[in-house]
Amino acid sequence: MYVGSLTLDILLGDVRSLKQKRSVIRPLIAELQRRYPSIAVAETGHLDLHRRAEVGVAVVSASAGNCKEVLDACERMVAFRPEIELLSARHRLYNDED
């Protein structure tokens, strides 16, 4: 069994309030969940900042290759959104021996 995690540090464009931030982050999370139903995804950091967000993604799989493939696809989807600037992406892979 493998567990893959992805942490995305995101800079939001023209956002002036936490309410506007939610209007960008919620659809992003919903789109990730819709496109990849096997993942868990949530806003995990920078909760009090209106122009920054941290989104965490996790996937469980029988193979390391599948974990990496799903997480790479999630990263690409976020990176190609025009209203978001992806500052960093951190991948981690855990197996049942860790």
PDB file of N, CA and C in Angstrom:
ATOM      1  N   MET A   1       0.844  -1.170   0.000  1.00  0.00           N
ATOM      2  CA  MET A   1       0.000   0.000   0.000  1.00  0.00           C
ATOM      3  C   MET A   1       0.896   1.242   0.000  1.00  0.00           C
ATOM      4  N   TYR A   2       0.515   2.229  -0.773  1.00  0.00           N
ATOM      5  CA  TYR A   2       1.230   3.500  -0.860  1.00  0.00           C
ATOM      6  C   TYR A   2       0.260   4.649  -0.602  1.00  0.00           C
ATOM      7  N   VAL A   3       0.753   5.633   0.112  1.00  0.00           N
ATOM      8  CA  VAL A   3      -0.006   6.864   0.360  1.00  0.00           C
ATOM      9  C   VAL A   3       0.823   8.005  -0.204  1.00  0.00           C
ATOM     10  N   GLY A   4       0.231   8.751  -1.113  1.00  0.00           N
ATOM     11  CA  GLY A   4       0.904   9.898  -1.698  1.00  0.00           C
ATOM     12  C   GLY A   4       0.257  11.174  -1.218  1.00  0.00           C
ATOM     13  N   SER A   5       1.087  12.176  -0.938  1.00  0.00           N
ATOM     14  CA  SER A   5       0.549  13.474  -0.537  1.00  0.00           C
ATOM     15  C   SER A   5       1.170  14.567  -1.400  1.00  0.00           C
ATOM     16  N   LEU A   6       0.386  15.584  -1.612  1.00  0.00           N
ATOM     17  CA  LEU A   6       0.794  16.734  -2.409  1.00  0.00           C
ATOM     18  C   LEU A   6       0.359  17.981  -1.664  1.00  0.00           C
ATOM     19  N   THR A   7       1.301  18.887  -1.426  1.00  0.00           N
ATOM     20  CA  THR A   7       0.989  20.162  -0.789  1.00  0.00           C
ATOM     21  C   THR A   7       1.251  21.269  -1.796  1.00  0.00           C
ATOM     22  N   LEU A   8       0.217  22.042  -2.097  1.00  0.00           N
ATOM     23  CA  LEU A   8       0.307  23.112  -3.085  1.00  0.00           C
ATOM     24  C   LEU A   8       0.246  24.464  -2.383  1.00  0.00           C
ATOM     25  N   ASP A   9       1.242  25.290  -2.597  1.00  0.00           N
ATOM     26  CA  ASP A   9       1.259  26.655  -2.071  1.00  0.00           C
ATOM     27  C   ASP A   9       0.821  27.563  -3.215  1.00  0.00           C
ATOM     28  N   ILE A  10      -0.272  28.277  -3.005  1.00  0.00           N
ATOM     29  CA  ILE A  10      -0.942  29.014  -4.087  1.00  0.00           C
ATOM     30  C   ILE A  10      -1.021  30.498  -3.748  1.00  0.00           C
ATOM     31  N   LEU A  11      -0.746  31.326  -4.756  1.00  0.00           N
ATOM     32  CA  LEU A  11      -0.962  32.767  -4.661  1.00  0.00           C
ATOM     33  C   LEU A  11      -2.168  33.091  -5.536  1.00  0.00           C
ATOM     34  N   LEU A  12      -3.147  33.742  -4.942  1.00  0.00           N
ATOM     35  CA  LEU A  12      -4.371  34.077  -5.663  1.00  0.00           C
ATOM     36  C   LEU A  12      -4.233  35.455  -6.296  1.00  0.00           C
ATOM     37  N   GLY A  13      -4.893  35.652  -7.394  1.00  0.00           N
ATOM     38  CA  GLY A  13      -4.814  36.903  -8.139  1.00  0.00           C
ATOM     39  C   GLY A  13      -5.493  38.069  -7.436  1.00  0.00           C
ATOM     40  N   ASP A  14      -6.477  38.638  -8.073  1.00  0.00           N
ATOM     41  CA  ASP A  14      -7.156  39.838  -7.587  1.00  0.00           C
ATOM     42  C   ASP A  14      -8.207  39.467  -6.531  1.00  0.00           C
ATOM     43  N   VAL A  15      -7.734  39.130  -5.347  1.00  0.00           N
ATOM     44  CA  VAL A  15      -8.608  38.729  -4.241  1.00  0.00           C
ATOM     45  C   VAL A  15      -8.393  39.720  -3.112  1.00  0.00           C
ATOM     46  N   ARG A  16      -9.477  40.302  -2.623  1.00  0.00           N
ATOM     47  CA  ARG A  16      -9.371  41.340  -1.596  1.00  0.00           C
ATOM     48  C   ARG A  16      -9.996  40.962  -0.260  1.00  0.00           C
ATOM     49  N   SER A  17     -10.580  39.773  -0.169  1.00  0.00           N
ATOM     50  CA  SER A  17     -11.220  39.374   1.087  1.00  0.00           C
ATOM     51  C   SER A  17     -11.204  37.848   1.209  1.00  0.00           C
ATOM     52  N   LEU A  18     -11.477  37.383   2.408  1.00  0.00           N
ATOM     53  CA  LEU A  18     -11.566  35.937   2.620  1.00  0.00           C
ATOM     54  C   LEU A  18     -12.758  35.341   1.883  1.00  0.00           C
ATOM     55  N   LYS A  19     -13.814  36.131   1.738  1.00  0.00           N
ATOM     56  CA  LYS A  19     -14.989  35.675   0.996  1.00  0.00           C
ATOM     57  C   LYS A  19     -14.632  35.441  -0.478  1.00  0.00           C
ATOM     58  N   GLN A  20     -13.885  36.356  -1.075  1.00  0.00           N
ATOM     59  CA  GLN A  20     -13.444  36.172  -2.458  1.00  0.00           C
ATOM     60  C   GLN A  20     -12.493  34.985  -2.568  1.00  0.00           C
ATOM     61  N   LYS A  21     -11.646  34.812  -1.550  1.00  0.00           N
ATOM     62  CA  LYS A  21     -10.737  33.672  -1.541  1.00  0.00           C
ATOM     63  C   LYS A  21     -11.531  32.364  -1.588  1.00  0.00           C
ATOM     64  N   ARG A  22     -12.567  32.262  -0.761  1.00  0.00           N
ATOM     65  CA  ARG A  22     -13.407  31.062  -0.758  1.00  0.00           C
ATOM     66  C   ARG A  22     -14.051  30.828  -2.118  1.00  0.00           C
ATOM     67  N   SER A  23     -14.411  31.911  -2.805  1.00  0.00           N
ATOM     68  CA  SER A  23     -15.053  31.770  -4.115  1.00  0.00           C
ATOM     69  C   SER A  23     -14.081  31.252  -5.182  1.00  0.00           C
ATOM     70  N   VAL A  24     -12.792  31.295  -4.913  1.00  0.00           N
ATOM     71  CA  VAL A  24     -11.794  30.729  -5.825  1.00  0.00           C
ATOM     72  C   VAL A  24     -11.395  29.320  -5.375  1.00  0.00           C
ATOM     73  N   ILE A  25     -11.174  29.137  -4.084  1.00  0.00           N
ATOM     74  CA  ILE A  25     -10.655  27.869  -3.567  1.00  0.00           C
ATOM     75  C   ILE A  25     -11.715  26.768  -3.585  1.00  0.00           C
ATOM     76  N   ARG A  26     -12.950  27.072  -3.200  1.00  0.00           N
ATOM     77  CA  ARG A  26     -13.994  26.033  -3.179  1.00  0.00           C
ATOM     78  C   ARG A  26     -14.219  25.391  -4.546  1.00  0.00           C
ATOM     79  N   PRO A  27     -14.347  26.177  -5.633  1.00  0.00           N
ATOM     80  CA  PRO A  27     -14.502  25.537  -6.948  1.00  0.00           C
ATOM     81  C   PRO A  27     -13.266  24.729  -7.363  1.00  0.00           C
ATOM     82  N   LEU A  28     -12.085  25.185  -6.966  1.00  0.00           N
ATOM     83  CA  LEU A  28     -10.859  24.447  -7.269  1.00  0.00           C
ATOM     84  C   LEU A  28     -10.890  23.074  -6.597  1.00  0.00           C
ATOM     85  N   ILE A  29     -11.224  23.043  -5.318  1.00  0.00           N
ATOM     86  CA  ILE A  29     -11.295  21.788  -4.571  1.00  0.00           C
ATOM     87  C   ILE A  29     -12.385  20.883  -5.155  1.00  0.00           C
ATOM     88  N   ALA A  30     -13.528  21.462  -5.485  1.00  0.00           N
ATOM     89  CA  ALA A  30     -14.623  20.679  -6.069  1.00  0.00           C
ATOM     90  C   ALA A  30     -14.220  20.082  -7.416  1.00  0.00           C
ATOM     91  N   GLU A  31     -13.512  20.841  -8.231  1.00  0.00           N
ATOM     92  CA  GLU A  31     -13.067  20.348  -9.537  1.00  0.00           C
ATOM     93  C   GLU A  31     -12.063  19.204  -9.374  1.00  0.00           C
ATOM     94  N   LEU A  32     -11.134  19.346  -8.431  1.00  0.00           N
ATOM     95  CA  LEU A  32     -10.189  18.257  -8.171  1.00  0.00           C
ATOM     96  C   LEU A  32     -10.929  16.991  -7.738  1.00  0.00           C
ATOM     97  N   GLN A  33     -11.888  17.127  -6.836  1.00  0.00           N
ATOM     98  CA  GLN A  33     -12.640  15.967  -6.363  1.00  0.00           C
ATOM     99  C   GLN A  33     -13.498  15.348  -7.466  1.00  0.00           C
ATOM    100  N   ARG A  34     -14.049  16.181  -8.329  1.00  0.00           N
ATOM    101  CA  ARG A  34     -14.883  15.676  -9.417  1.00  0.00           C
ATOM    102  C   ARG A  34     -14.031  14.926 -10.443  1.00  0.00           C
ATOM    103  N   ARG A  35     -12.901  15.503 -10.783  1.00  0.00           N
ATOM    104  CA  ARG A  35     -12.056  14.905 -11.817  1.00  0.00           C
ATOM    105  C   ARG A  35     -11.311  13.671 -11.321  1.00  0.00           C
ATOM    106  N   TYR A  36     -10.942  13.661 -10.035  1.00  0.00           N
ATOM    107  CA  TYR A  36     -10.197  12.548  -9.440  1.00  0.00           C
ATOM    108  C   TYR A  36     -10.928  12.080  -8.182  1.00  0.00           C
ATOM    109  N   PRO A  37     -11.945  11.242  -8.319  1.00  0.00           N
ATOM    110  CA  PRO A  37     -12.770  10.869  -7.164  1.00  0.00           C
ATOM    111  C   PRO A  37     -12.037  10.032  -6.116  1.00  0.00           C
ATOM    112  N   SER A  38     -10.872   9.508  -6.435  1.00  0.00           N
ATOM    113  CA  SER A  38     -10.149   8.669  -5.476  1.00  0.00           C
ATOM    114  C   SER A  38      -9.269   9.470  -4.519  1.00  0.00           C
ATOM    115  N   ILE A  39      -9.236  10.787  -4.639  1.00  0.00           N
ATOM    116  CA  ILE A  39      -8.370  11.603  -3.784  1.00  0.00           C
ATOM    117  C   ILE A  39      -9.153  12.228  -2.633  1.00  0.00           C
ATOM    118  N   ALA A  40      -8.404  12.647  -1.633  1.00  0.00           N
ATOM    119  CA  ALA A  40      -8.939  13.508  -0.573  1.00  0.00           C
ATOM    120  C   ALA A  40      -8.242  14.848  -0.748  1.00  0.00           C
ATOM    121  N   VAL A  41      -8.992  15.932  -0.668  1.00  0.00           N
ATOM    122  CA  VAL A  41      -8.422  17.257  -0.893  1.00  0.00           C
ATOM    123  C   VAL A  41      -9.077  18.259   0.048  1.00  0.00           C
ATOM    124  N   ALA A  42      -8.258  19.210   0.556  1.00  0.00           N
ATOM    125  CA  ALA A  42      -8.773  20.225   1.477  1.00  0.00           C
ATOM    126  C   ALA A  42      -7.820  21.415   1.500  1.00  0.00           C
ATOM    127  N   GLU A  43      -8.358  22.553   1.903  1.00  0.00           N
ATOM    128  CA  GLU A  43      -7.517  23.716   2.174  1.00  0.00           C
ATOM    129  C   GLU A  43      -6.865  23.471   3.534  1.00  0.00           C
ATOM    130  N   THR A  44      -5.545  23.489   3.583  1.00  0.00           N
ATOM    131  CA  THR A  44      -4.836  23.071   4.790  1.00  0.00           C
ATOM    132  C   THR A  44      -3.986  24.152   5.435  1.00  0.00           C
ATOM    133  N   GLY A  45      -3.824  25.286   4.802  1.00  0.00           N
ATOM    134  CA  GLY A  45      -2.971  26.315   5.384  1.00  0.00           C
ATOM    135  C   GLY A  45      -3.277  27.696   4.868  1.00  0.00           C
ATOM    136  N   HIS A  46      -2.663  28.693   5.500  1.00  0.00           N
ATOM    137  CA  HIS A  46      -2.858  30.106   5.162  1.00  0.00           C
ATOM    138  C   HIS A  46      -4.341  30.478   5.239  1.00  0.00           C
ATOM    139  N   LEU A  47      -5.025  29.943   6.220  1.00  0.00           N
ATOM    140  CA  LEU A  47      -6.471  30.135   6.317  1.00  0.00           C
ATOM    141  C   LEU A  47      -6.869  31.576   6.603  1.00  0.00           C
ATOM    142  N   ASP A  48      -5.991  32.346   7.225  1.00  0.00           N
ATOM    143  CA  ASP A  48      -6.327  33.723   7.584  1.00  0.00           C
ATOM    144  C   ASP A  48      -5.785  34.751   6.594  1.00  0.00           C
ATOM    145  N   LEU A  49      -5.095  34.313   5.559  1.00  0.00           N
ATOM    146  CA  LEU A  49      -4.570  35.221   4.534  1.00  0.00           C
ATOM    147  C   LEU A  49      -5.484  35.188   3.319  1.00  0.00           C
ATOM    148  N   HIS A  50      -5.799  36.348   2.763  1.00  0.00           N
ATOM    149  CA  HIS A  50      -6.763  36.356   1.668  1.00  0.00           C
ATOM    150  C   HIS A  50      -6.139  36.150   0.288  1.00  0.00           C
ATOM    151  N   ARG A  51      -4.826  36.307   0.121  1.00  0.00           N
ATOM    152  CA  ARG A  51      -4.228  36.099  -1.194  1.00  0.00           C
ATOM    153  C   ARG A  51      -3.398  34.827  -1.287  1.00  0.00           C
ATOM    154  N   ARG A  52      -3.281  34.090  -0.199  1.00  0.00           N
ATOM    155  CA  ARG A  52      -2.504  32.855  -0.191  1.00  0.00           C
ATOM    156  C   ARG A  52      -3.391  31.701   0.241  1.00  0.00           C
ATOM    157  N   ALA A  53      -3.055  30.526  -0.250  1.00  0.00           N
ATOM    158  CA  ALA A  53      -3.772  29.316   0.150  1.00  0.00           C
ATOM    159  C   ALA A  53      -2.815  28.140   0.067  1.00  0.00           C
ATOM    160  N   GLU A  54      -3.056  27.182   0.924  1.00  0.00           N
ATOM    161  CA  GLU A  54      -2.345  25.913   0.850  1.00  0.00           C
ATOM    162  C   GLU A  54      -3.405  24.833   0.698  1.00  0.00           C
ATOM    163  N   VAL A  55      -3.247  24.011  -0.324  1.00  0.00           N
ATOM    164  CA  VAL A  55      -4.198  22.942  -0.588  1.00  0.00           C
ATOM    165  C   VAL A  55      -3.444  21.623  -0.478  1.00  0.00           C
ATOM    166  N   GLY A  56      -4.018  20.694   0.283  1.00  0.00           N
ATOM    167  CA  GLY A  56      -3.424  19.374   0.445  1.00  0.00           C
ATOM    168  C   GLY A  56      -4.241  18.329  -0.288  1.00  0.00           C
ATOM    169  N   VAL A  57      -3.528  17.414  -0.949  1.00  0.00           N
ATOM    170  CA  VAL A  57      -4.149  16.324  -1.695  1.00  0.00           C
ATOM    171  C   VAL A  57      -3.520  15.022  -1.218  1.00  0.00           C
ATOM    172  N   ALA A  58      -4.332  14.000  -1.016  1.00  0.00           N
ATOM    173  CA  ALA A  58      -3.831  12.686  -0.619  1.00  0.00           C
ATOM    174  C   ALA A  58      -4.492  11.611  -1.465  1.00  0.00           C
ATOM    175  N   VAL A  59      -3.724  10.563  -1.747  1.00  0.00           N
ATOM    176  CA  VAL A  59      -4.242   9.431  -2.512  1.00  0.00           C
ATOM    177  C   VAL A  59      -3.635   8.146  -1.942  1.00  0.00           C
ATOM    178  N   VAL A  60      -4.435   7.103  -1.918  1.00  0.00           N
ATOM    179  CA  VAL A  60      -3.982   5.781  -1.484  1.00  0.00           C
ATOM    180  C   VAL A  60      -4.078   4.849  -2.680  1.00  0.00           C
ATOM    181  N   SER A  61      -3.005   4.055  -2.904  1.00  0.00           N
ATOM    182  CA  SER A  61      -2.989   3.182  -4.065  1.00  0.00           C
ATOM    183  C   SER A  61      -2.149   1.948  -3.776  1.00  0.00           C
ATOM    184  N   ALA A  62      -2.323   0.943  -4.614  1.00  0.00           N
ATOM    185  CA  ALA A  62      -1.530  -0.283  -4.499  1.00  0.00           C
ATOM    186  C   ALA A  62      -0.143  -0.118  -5.109  1.00  0.00           C
ATOM    187  N   SER A  63       0.048   0.912  -5.945  1.00  0.00           N
ATOM    188  CA  SER A  63       1.353   1.098  -6.589  1.00  0.00           C
ATOM    189  C   SER A  63       1.838   2.533  -6.438  1.00  0.00           C
ATOM    190  N   ALA A  64       3.150   2.663  -6.325  1.00  0.00           N
ATOM    191  CA  ALA A  64       3.758   3.992  -6.217  1.00  0.00           C
ATOM    192  C   ALA A  64       3.560   4.776  -7.507  1.00  0.00           C
ATOM    193  N   GLY A  65       3.609   4.097  -8.634  1.00  0.00           N
ATOM    194  CA  GLY A  65       3.436   4.758  -9.927  1.00  0.00           C
ATOM    195  C   GLY A  65       2.074   5.405 -10.077  1.00  0.00           C
ATOM    196  N   ASN A  66       1.042   4.726  -9.609  1.00  0.00           N
ATOM    197  CA  ASN A  66      -0.303   5.295  -9.698  1.00  0.00           C
ATOM    198  C   ASN A  66      -0.434   6.523  -8.796  1.00  0.00           C
ATOM    199  N   CYS A  67       0.130   6.461  -7.597  1.00  0.00           N
ATOM    200  CA  CYS A  67       0.110   7.632  -6.698  1.00  0.00           C
ATOM    201  C   CYS A  67       0.752   8.828  -7.380  1.00  0.00           C
ATOM    202  N   LYS A  68       1.936   8.611  -7.939  1.00  0.00           N
ATOM    203  CA  LYS A  68       2.660   9.703  -8.587  1.00  0.00           C
ATOM    204  C   LYS A  68       1.883  10.254  -9.774  1.00  0.00           C
ATOM    205  N   GLU A  69       1.284   9.374 -10.552  1.00  0.00           N
ATOM    206  CA  GLU A  69       0.517   9.801 -11.728  1.00  0.00           C
ATOM    207  C   GLU A  69      -0.674  10.678 -11.338  1.00  0.00           C
ATOM    208  N   VAL A  70      -1.417  10.267 -10.324  1.00  0.00           N
ATOM    209  CA  VAL A  70      -2.589  11.030  -9.889  1.00  0.00           C
ATOM    210  C   VAL A  70      -2.162  12.380  -9.316  1.00  0.00           C
ATOM    211  N   LEU A  71      -1.128  12.400  -8.481  1.00  0.00           N
ATOM    212  CA  LEU A  71      -0.674  13.655  -7.881  1.00  0.00           C
ATOM    213  C   LEU A  71      -0.103  14.611  -8.926  1.00  0.00           C
ATOM    214  N   ASP A  72       0.621  14.083  -9.906  1.00  0.00           N
ATOM    215  CA  ASP A  72       1.135  14.930 -10.993  1.00  0.00           C
ATOM    216  C   ASP A  72      -0.014  15.549 -11.790  1.00  0.00           C
ATOM    217  N   ALA A  73      -1.053  14.771 -12.041  1.00  0.00           N
ATOM    218  CA  ALA A  73      -2.212  15.289 -12.779  1.00  0.00           C
ATOM    219  C   ALA A  73      -2.913  16.384 -11.983  1.00  0.00           C
ATOM    220  N   CYS A  74      -3.033  16.203 -10.675  1.00  0.00           N
ATOM    221  CA  CYS A  74      -3.643  17.240  -9.823  1.00  0.00           C
ATOM    222  C   CYS A  74      -2.809  18.519  -9.857  1.00  0.00           C
ATOM    223  N   GLU A  75      -1.499  18.364  -9.766  1.00  0.00           N
ATOM    224  CA  GLU A  75      -0.617  19.543  -9.809  1.00  0.00           C
ATOM    225  C   GLU A  75      -0.752  20.285 -11.134  1.00  0.00           C
ATOM    226  N   ARG A  76      -0.775  19.555 -12.236  1.00  0.00           N
ATOM    227  CA  ARG A  76      -0.924  20.196 -13.550  1.00  0.00           C
ATOM    228  C   ARG A  76      -2.250  20.933 -13.662  1.00  0.00           C
ATOM    229  N   MET A  77      -3.315  20.330 -13.159  1.00  0.00           N
ATOM    230  CA  MET A  77      -4.624  20.971 -13.245  1.00  0.00           C
ATOM    231  C   MET A  77      -4.632  22.313 -12.510  1.00  0.00           C
ATOM    232  N   VAL A  78      -4.029  22.348 -11.329  1.00  0.00           N
ATOM    233  CA  VAL A  78      -3.974  23.584 -10.551  1.00  0.00           C
ATOM    234  C   VAL A  78      -3.048  24.594 -11.230  1.00  0.00           C
ATOM    235  N   ALA A  79      -1.920  24.135 -11.729  1.00  0.00           N
ATOM    236  CA  ALA A  79      -0.938  25.039 -12.346  1.00  0.00           C
ATOM    237  C   ALA A  79      -1.476  25.731 -13.587  1.00  0.00           C
ATOM    238  N   PHE A  80      -2.384  25.093 -14.306  1.00  0.00           N
ATOM    239  CA  PHE A  80      -2.889  25.666 -15.553  1.00  0.00           C
ATOM    240  C   PHE A  80      -4.104  26.566 -15.367  1.00  0.00           C
ATOM    241  N   ARG A  81      -4.551  26.754 -14.138  1.00  0.00           N
ATOM    242  CA  ARG A  81      -5.687  27.662 -13.909  1.00  0.00           C
ATOM    243  C   ARG A  81      -5.180  29.103 -13.983  1.00  0.00           C
ATOM    244  N   PRO A  82      -5.826  29.959 -14.781  1.00  0.00           N
ATOM    245  CA  PRO A  82      -5.303  31.311 -14.999  1.00  0.00           C
ATOM    246  C   PRO A  82      -5.405  32.231 -13.785  1.00  0.00           C
ATOM    247  N   GLU A  83      -6.356  32.006 -12.888  1.00  0.00           N
ATOM    248  CA  GLU A  83      -6.537  32.900 -11.743  1.00  0.00           C
ATOM    249  C   GLU A  83      -5.623  32.553 -10.562  1.00  0.00           C
ATOM    250  N   ILE A  84      -4.788  31.526 -10.733  1.00  0.00           N
ATOM    251  CA  ILE A  84      -3.954  31.020  -9.642  1.00  0.00           C
ATOM    252  C   ILE A  84      -2.502  30.978 -10.091  1.00  0.00           C
ATOM    253  N   GLU A  85      -1.601  31.359  -9.185  1.00  0.00           N
ATOM    254  CA  GLU A  85      -0.179  31.182  -9.423  1.00  0.00           C
ATOM    255  C   GLU A  85       0.322  30.128  -8.438  1.00  0.00           C
ATOM    256  N   LEU A  86       0.823  29.035  -8.955  1.00  0.00           N
ATOM    257  CA  LEU A  86       1.332  27.959  -8.119  1.00  0.00           C
ATOM    258  C   LEU A  86       2.763  28.296  -7.704  1.00  0.00           C
ATOM    259  N   LEU A  87       2.965  28.579  -6.417  1.00  0.00           N
ATOM    260  CA  LEU A  87       4.283  28.965  -5.921  1.00  0.00           C
ATOM    261  C   LEU A  87       5.182  27.760  -5.691  1.00  0.00           C
ATOM    262  N   SER A  88       4.622  26.694  -5.134  1.00  0.00           N
ATOM    263  CA  SER A  88       5.407  25.479  -4.928  1.00  0.00           C
ATOM    264  C   SER A  88       4.487  24.276  -4.803  1.00  0.00           C
ATOM    265  N   ALA A  89       5.055  23.125  -5.082  1.00  0.00           N
ATOM    266  CA  ALA A  89       4.341  21.860  -4.946  1.00  0.00           C
ATOM    267  C   ALA A  89       5.305  20.858  -4.313  1.00  0.00           C
ATOM    268  N   ARG A  90       4.854  20.240  -3.230  1.00  0.00           N
ATOM    269  CA  ARG A  90       5.698  19.282  -2.522  1.00  0.00           C
ATOM    270  C   ARG A  90       5.020  17.912  -2.535  1.00  0.00           C
ATOM    271  N   HIS A  91       5.699  16.938  -3.135  1.00  0.00           N
ATOM    272  CA  HIS A  91       5.203  15.561  -3.211  1.00  0.00           C
ATOM    273  C   HIS A  91       5.875  14.724  -2.128  1.00  0.00           C
ATOM    274  N   ARG A  92       5.100  13.829  -1.533  1.00  0.00           N
ATOM    275  CA  ARG A  92       5.661  12.841  -0.601  1.00  0.00           C
ATOM    276  C   ARG A  92       4.977  11.507  -0.867  1.00  0.00           C
ATOM    277  N   LEU A  93       5.752  10.446  -0.718  1.00  0.00           N
ATOM    278  CA  LEU A  93       5.225   9.105  -0.926  1.00  0.00           C
ATOM    279  C   LEU A  93       5.595   8.249   0.280  1.00  0.00           C
ATOM    280  N   TYR A  94       4.610   7.613   0.850  1.00  0.00           N
ATOM    281  CA  TYR A  94       4.809   6.740   2.007  1.00  0.00           C
ATOM    282  C   TYR A  94       4.357   5.337   1.635  1.00  0.00           C
ATOM    283  N   ASN A  95       5.085   4.331   2.130  1.00  0.00           N
ATOM    284  CA  ASN A  95       4.609   2.953   1.943  1.00  0.00           C
ATOM    285  C   ASN A  95       4.349   2.342   3.304  1.00  0.00           C
ATOM    286  N   ASP A  96       3.857   1.126   3.324  1.00  0.00           N
ATOM    287  CA  ASP A  96       3.472   0.511   4.597  1.00  0.00           C
ATOM    288  C   ASP A  96       4.653   0.163   5.490  1.00  0.00           C
ATOM    289  N   GLU A  97       5.867   0.330   5.002  1.00  0.00           N
ATOM    290  CA  GLU A  97       7.057   0.075   5.806  1.00  0.00           C
ATOM    291  C   GLU A  97       7.582   1.329   6.491  1.00  0.00           C
ATOM    292  N   ASP A  98       7.048   2.494   6.154  1.00  0.00           N
ATOM    293  CA  ASP A  98       7.495   3.767   6.761  1.00  0.00           C
ATOM    294  C   ASP A  98       6.911   3.945   8.145  1.00  0.00           C
TER     295      ASP A  98
END
